[in-house]
Amino acid sequence: MNPNNFAGESGYDPFYRTPLAFLVSHRRQTAQPGIEFANAAIVAYTMHLAATNRGLASVLLWFALETIRLRPDLEFEKALKLPDDFVPLLGVTVGVPQEPFFARSINMDKIKTDFV
């Protein structure tokens, strides 16, 4: 999907029709390029685990936040009321799953592991 069409896409819901969305932000910095995404990913992953533990579904948001960066004219960052030196990096939506979760076995042959 083209980020420039974000606001005009008919029927597109960047939050997947979930009732709750968390945005993970981080202070802008240049000391360790990329560390902010690693930090945000850990927070988002923890949110996914917590949601699953409670029987809730969750989705990682990237596109919606990429649109915030690519479309400054829409003034999303201003609406979020973040401190001036923070930027939204990732998001997680949480809601009740359409189908219940069930335990499944994992075929370990699909996950190659090399021990060193």
C-alpha atoms as a PDB file:
ATOM      1  CA  MET A   1       0.000   0.000   0.000  1.00  0.00           C
ATOM      2  CA  ASN A   2       1.301   3.413  -0.903  1.00  0.00           C
ATOM      3  CA  PRO A   3       1.796   5.609   2.209  1.00  0.00           C
ATOM      4  CA  ASN A   4       0.799   8.659   0.177  1.00  0.00           C
ATOM      5  CA  ASN A   5      -2.711   7.207  -0.188  1.00  0.00           C
ATOM      6  CA  PHE A   6      -3.058   6.429   3.518  1.00  0.00           C
ATOM      7  CA  ALA A   7      -5.667   9.037   4.349  1.00  0.00           C
ATOM      8  CA  GLY A   8      -7.780   8.293   1.289  1.00  0.00           C
ATOM      9  CA  GLU A   9      -7.864   4.494   1.290  1.00  0.00           C
ATOM     10  CA  SER A  10     -11.489   3.401   1.517  1.00  0.00           C
ATOM     11  CA  GLY A  11     -12.083   0.750   4.127  1.00  0.00           C
ATOM     12  CA  TYR A  12      -8.453   0.701   5.270  1.00  0.00           C
ATOM     13  CA  ASP A  13      -8.069   0.693   9.041  1.00  0.00           C
ATOM     14  CA  PRO A  14      -4.421   1.015  10.110  1.00  0.00           C
ATOM     15  CA  PHE A  15      -5.376  -0.257  13.566  1.00  0.00           C
ATOM     16  CA  TYR A  16      -7.077  -3.449  12.308  1.00  0.00           C
ATOM     17  CA  ARG A  17     -10.418  -2.580  13.958  1.00  0.00           C
ATOM     18  CA  THR A  18      -8.948  -3.157  17.414  1.00  0.00           C
ATOM     19  CA  PRO A  19     -10.153  -1.143  20.399  1.00  0.00           C
ATOM     20  CA  LEU A  20      -6.688  -0.391  21.750  1.00  0.00           C
ATOM     21  CA  ALA A  21      -3.432   0.769  20.188  1.00  0.00           C
ATOM     22  CA  PHE A  22      -0.136   1.423  21.942  1.00  0.00           C
ATOM     23  CA  LEU A  23       2.524   3.553  20.318  1.00  0.00           C
ATOM     24  CA  VAL A  24       6.116   3.015  21.383  1.00  0.00           C
ATOM     25  CA  SER A  25       8.179   6.171  21.120  1.00  0.00           C
ATOM     26  CA  HIS A  26      11.835   6.897  21.728  1.00  0.00           C
ATOM     27  CA  ARG A  27      13.989   9.951  22.193  1.00  0.00           C
ATOM     28  CA  ARG A  28      15.678  11.039  18.962  1.00  0.00           C
ATOM     29  CA  GLN A  29      19.365  10.246  19.226  1.00  0.00           C
ATOM     30  CA  THR A  30      22.458   9.785  17.106  1.00  0.00           C
ATOM     31  CA  ALA A  31      24.882   8.191  19.589  1.00  0.00           C
ATOM     32  CA  GLN A  32      23.950   4.601  18.722  1.00  0.00           C
ATOM     33  CA  PRO A  33      22.161   4.515  15.353  1.00  0.00           C
ATOM     34  CA  GLY A  34      19.396   1.908  15.329  1.00  0.00           C
ATOM     35  CA  ILE A  35      19.338   1.208  19.072  1.00  0.00           C
ATOM     36  CA  GLU A  36      16.012   3.009  19.352  1.00  0.00           C
ATOM     37  CA  PHE A  37      14.378   0.386  17.107  1.00  0.00           C
ATOM     38  CA  ALA A  38      15.893  -2.437  19.162  1.00  0.00           C
ATOM     39  CA  ASN A  39      14.532  -0.858  22.342  1.00  0.00           C
ATOM     40  CA  ALA A  40      11.090  -0.319  20.806  1.00  0.00           C
ATOM     41  CA  ALA A  41      11.020  -3.890  19.468  1.00  0.00           C
ATOM     42  CA  ILE A  42      11.669  -5.299  22.953  1.00  0.00           C
ATOM     43  CA  VAL A  43       8.806  -3.239  24.368  1.00  0.00           C
ATOM     44  CA  ALA A  44       6.466  -4.274  21.522  1.00  0.00           C
ATOM     45  CA  TYR A  45       7.399  -7.957  21.863  1.00  0.00           C
ATOM     46  CA  THR A  46       6.709  -7.815  25.598  1.00  0.00           C
ATOM     47  CA  MET A  47       3.282  -6.313  24.836  1.00  0.00           C
ATOM     48  CA  HIS A  48       2.559  -9.173  22.404  1.00  0.00           C
ATOM     49  CA  LEU A  49       3.484 -11.760  25.029  1.00  0.00           C
ATOM     50  CA  ALA A  50       1.363 -10.047  27.687  1.00  0.00           C
ATOM     51  CA  ALA A  51      -1.641  -9.850  25.343  1.00  0.00           C
ATOM     52  CA  THR A  52      -1.317 -13.506  24.356  1.00  0.00           C
ATOM     53  CA  ASN A  53      -1.009 -14.501  28.011  1.00  0.00           C
ATOM     54  CA  ARG A  54      -4.371 -12.829  28.606  1.00  0.00           C
ATOM     55  CA  GLY A  55      -6.028 -14.511  25.605  1.00  0.00           C
ATOM     56  CA  LEU A  56      -5.957 -11.340  23.516  1.00  0.00           C
ATOM     57  CA  ALA A  57      -4.784 -10.903  19.949  1.00  0.00           C
ATOM     58  CA  SER A  58      -2.168  -8.334  18.980  1.00  0.00           C
ATOM     59  CA  VAL A  59      -0.698  -6.917  15.793  1.00  0.00           C
ATOM     60  CA  LEU A  60       2.568  -5.053  15.264  1.00  0.00           C
ATOM     61  CA  LEU A  61       2.062  -1.664  13.611  1.00  0.00           C
ATOM     62  CA  TRP A  62       4.681  -0.463  11.219  1.00  0.00           C
ATOM     63  CA  PHE A  63       2.895   0.968   8.212  1.00  0.00           C
ATOM     64  CA  ALA A  64       0.739   3.394  10.175  1.00  0.00           C
ATOM     65  CA  LEU A  65       3.808   4.788  11.912  1.00  0.00           C
ATOM     66  CA  GLU A  66       5.793   4.877   8.684  1.00  0.00           C
ATOM     67  CA  THR A  67       3.010   7.044   7.324  1.00  0.00           C
ATOM     68  CA  ILE A  68       3.462   9.411  10.244  1.00  0.00           C
ATOM     69  CA  ARG A  69       7.101   9.814   9.214  1.00  0.00           C
ATOM     70  CA  LEU A  70       6.378  10.072   5.482  1.00  0.00           C
ATOM     71  CA  ARG A  71       3.405  12.445   5.728  1.00  0.00           C
ATOM     72  CA  PRO A  72       4.388  15.296   8.062  1.00  0.00           C
ATOM     73  CA  ASP A  73       1.688  17.384   6.374  1.00  0.00           C
ATOM     74  CA  LEU A  74      -0.956  15.296   8.186  1.00  0.00           C
ATOM     75  CA  GLU A  75       0.482  16.445  11.551  1.00  0.00           C
ATOM     76  CA  PHE A  76       0.030  13.064  13.268  1.00  0.00           C
ATOM     77  CA  GLU A  77       3.046  13.629  15.533  1.00  0.00           C
ATOM     78  CA  LYS A  78       1.526  16.878  16.761  1.00  0.00           C
ATOM     79  CA  ALA A  79      -1.738  15.068  17.571  1.00  0.00           C
ATOM     80  CA  LEU A  80       0.174  12.468  19.631  1.00  0.00           C
ATOM     81  CA  LYS A  81       1.473  15.233  21.938  1.00  0.00           C
ATOM     82  CA  LEU A  82       4.874  13.606  22.367  1.00  0.00           C
ATOM     83  CA  PRO A  83       7.754  15.599  23.808  1.00  0.00           C
ATOM     84  CA  ASP A  84       9.630  17.480  21.069  1.00  0.00           C
ATOM     85  CA  ASP A  85      12.612  15.144  21.150  1.00  0.00           C
ATOM     86  CA  PHE A  86      10.561  11.905  20.847  1.00  0.00           C
ATOM     87  CA  VAL A  87       9.368  10.071  17.750  1.00  0.00           C
ATOM     88  CA  PRO A  88       6.873   7.185  17.466  1.00  0.00           C
ATOM     89  CA  LEU A  89       8.648   4.051  16.205  1.00  0.00           C
ATOM     90  CA  LEU A  90       6.355   1.030  16.560  1.00  0.00           C
ATOM     91  CA  GLY A  91       2.851   0.281  17.623  1.00  0.00           C
ATOM     92  CA  VAL A  92       0.902  -2.658  18.944  1.00  0.00           C
ATOM     93  CA  THR A  93      -2.860  -3.044  18.642  1.00  0.00           C
ATOM     94  CA  VAL A  94      -4.681  -5.321  21.070  1.00  0.00           C
ATOM     95  CA  GLY A  95      -8.154  -6.815  20.922  1.00  0.00           C
ATOM     96  CA  VAL A  96     -10.279  -9.896  21.301  1.00  0.00           C
ATOM     97  CA  PRO A  97      -9.356 -12.485  18.652  1.00  0.00           C
ATOM     98  CA  GLN A  98     -11.950 -13.432  16.049  1.00  0.00           C
ATOM     99  CA  GLU A  99     -11.126 -17.087  16.672  1.00  0.00           C
ATOM    100  CA  PRO A 100      -9.931 -18.544  19.980  1.00  0.00           C
ATOM    101  CA  PHE A 101      -6.285 -19.466  20.368  1.00  0.00           C
ATOM    102  CA  PHE A 102      -5.386 -23.108  20.553  1.00  0.00           C
ATOM    103  CA  ALA A 103      -2.221 -24.927  21.503  1.00  0.00           C
ATOM    104  CA  ARG A 104      -0.321 -26.304  18.544  1.00  0.00           C
ATOM    105  CA  SER A 105       2.759 -28.366  18.210  1.00  0.00           C
ATOM    106  CA  ILE A 106       5.759 -26.851  16.532  1.00  0.00           C
ATOM    107  CA  ASN A 107       7.720 -28.893  14.043  1.00  0.00           C
ATOM    108  CA  MET A 108      11.274 -28.282  15.219  1.00  0.00           C
ATOM    109  CA  ASP A 109      12.596 -29.435  11.835  1.00  0.00           C
ATOM    110  CA  LYS A 110      11.303 -26.131  10.431  1.00  0.00           C
ATOM    111  CA  ILE A 111      13.604 -24.192  12.745  1.00  0.00           C
ATOM    112  CA  LYS A 112      17.237 -24.932  11.985  1.00  0.00           C
ATOM    113  CA  THR A 113      19.551 -24.627  14.945  1.00  0.00           C
ATOM    114  CA  ASP A 114      23.323 -24.750  14.827  1.00  0.00           C
ATOM    115  CA  PHE A 115      25.076 -25.077  18.161  1.00  0.00           C
ATOM    116  CA  VAL A 116      28.530 -23.547  18.277  1.00  0.00           C
END
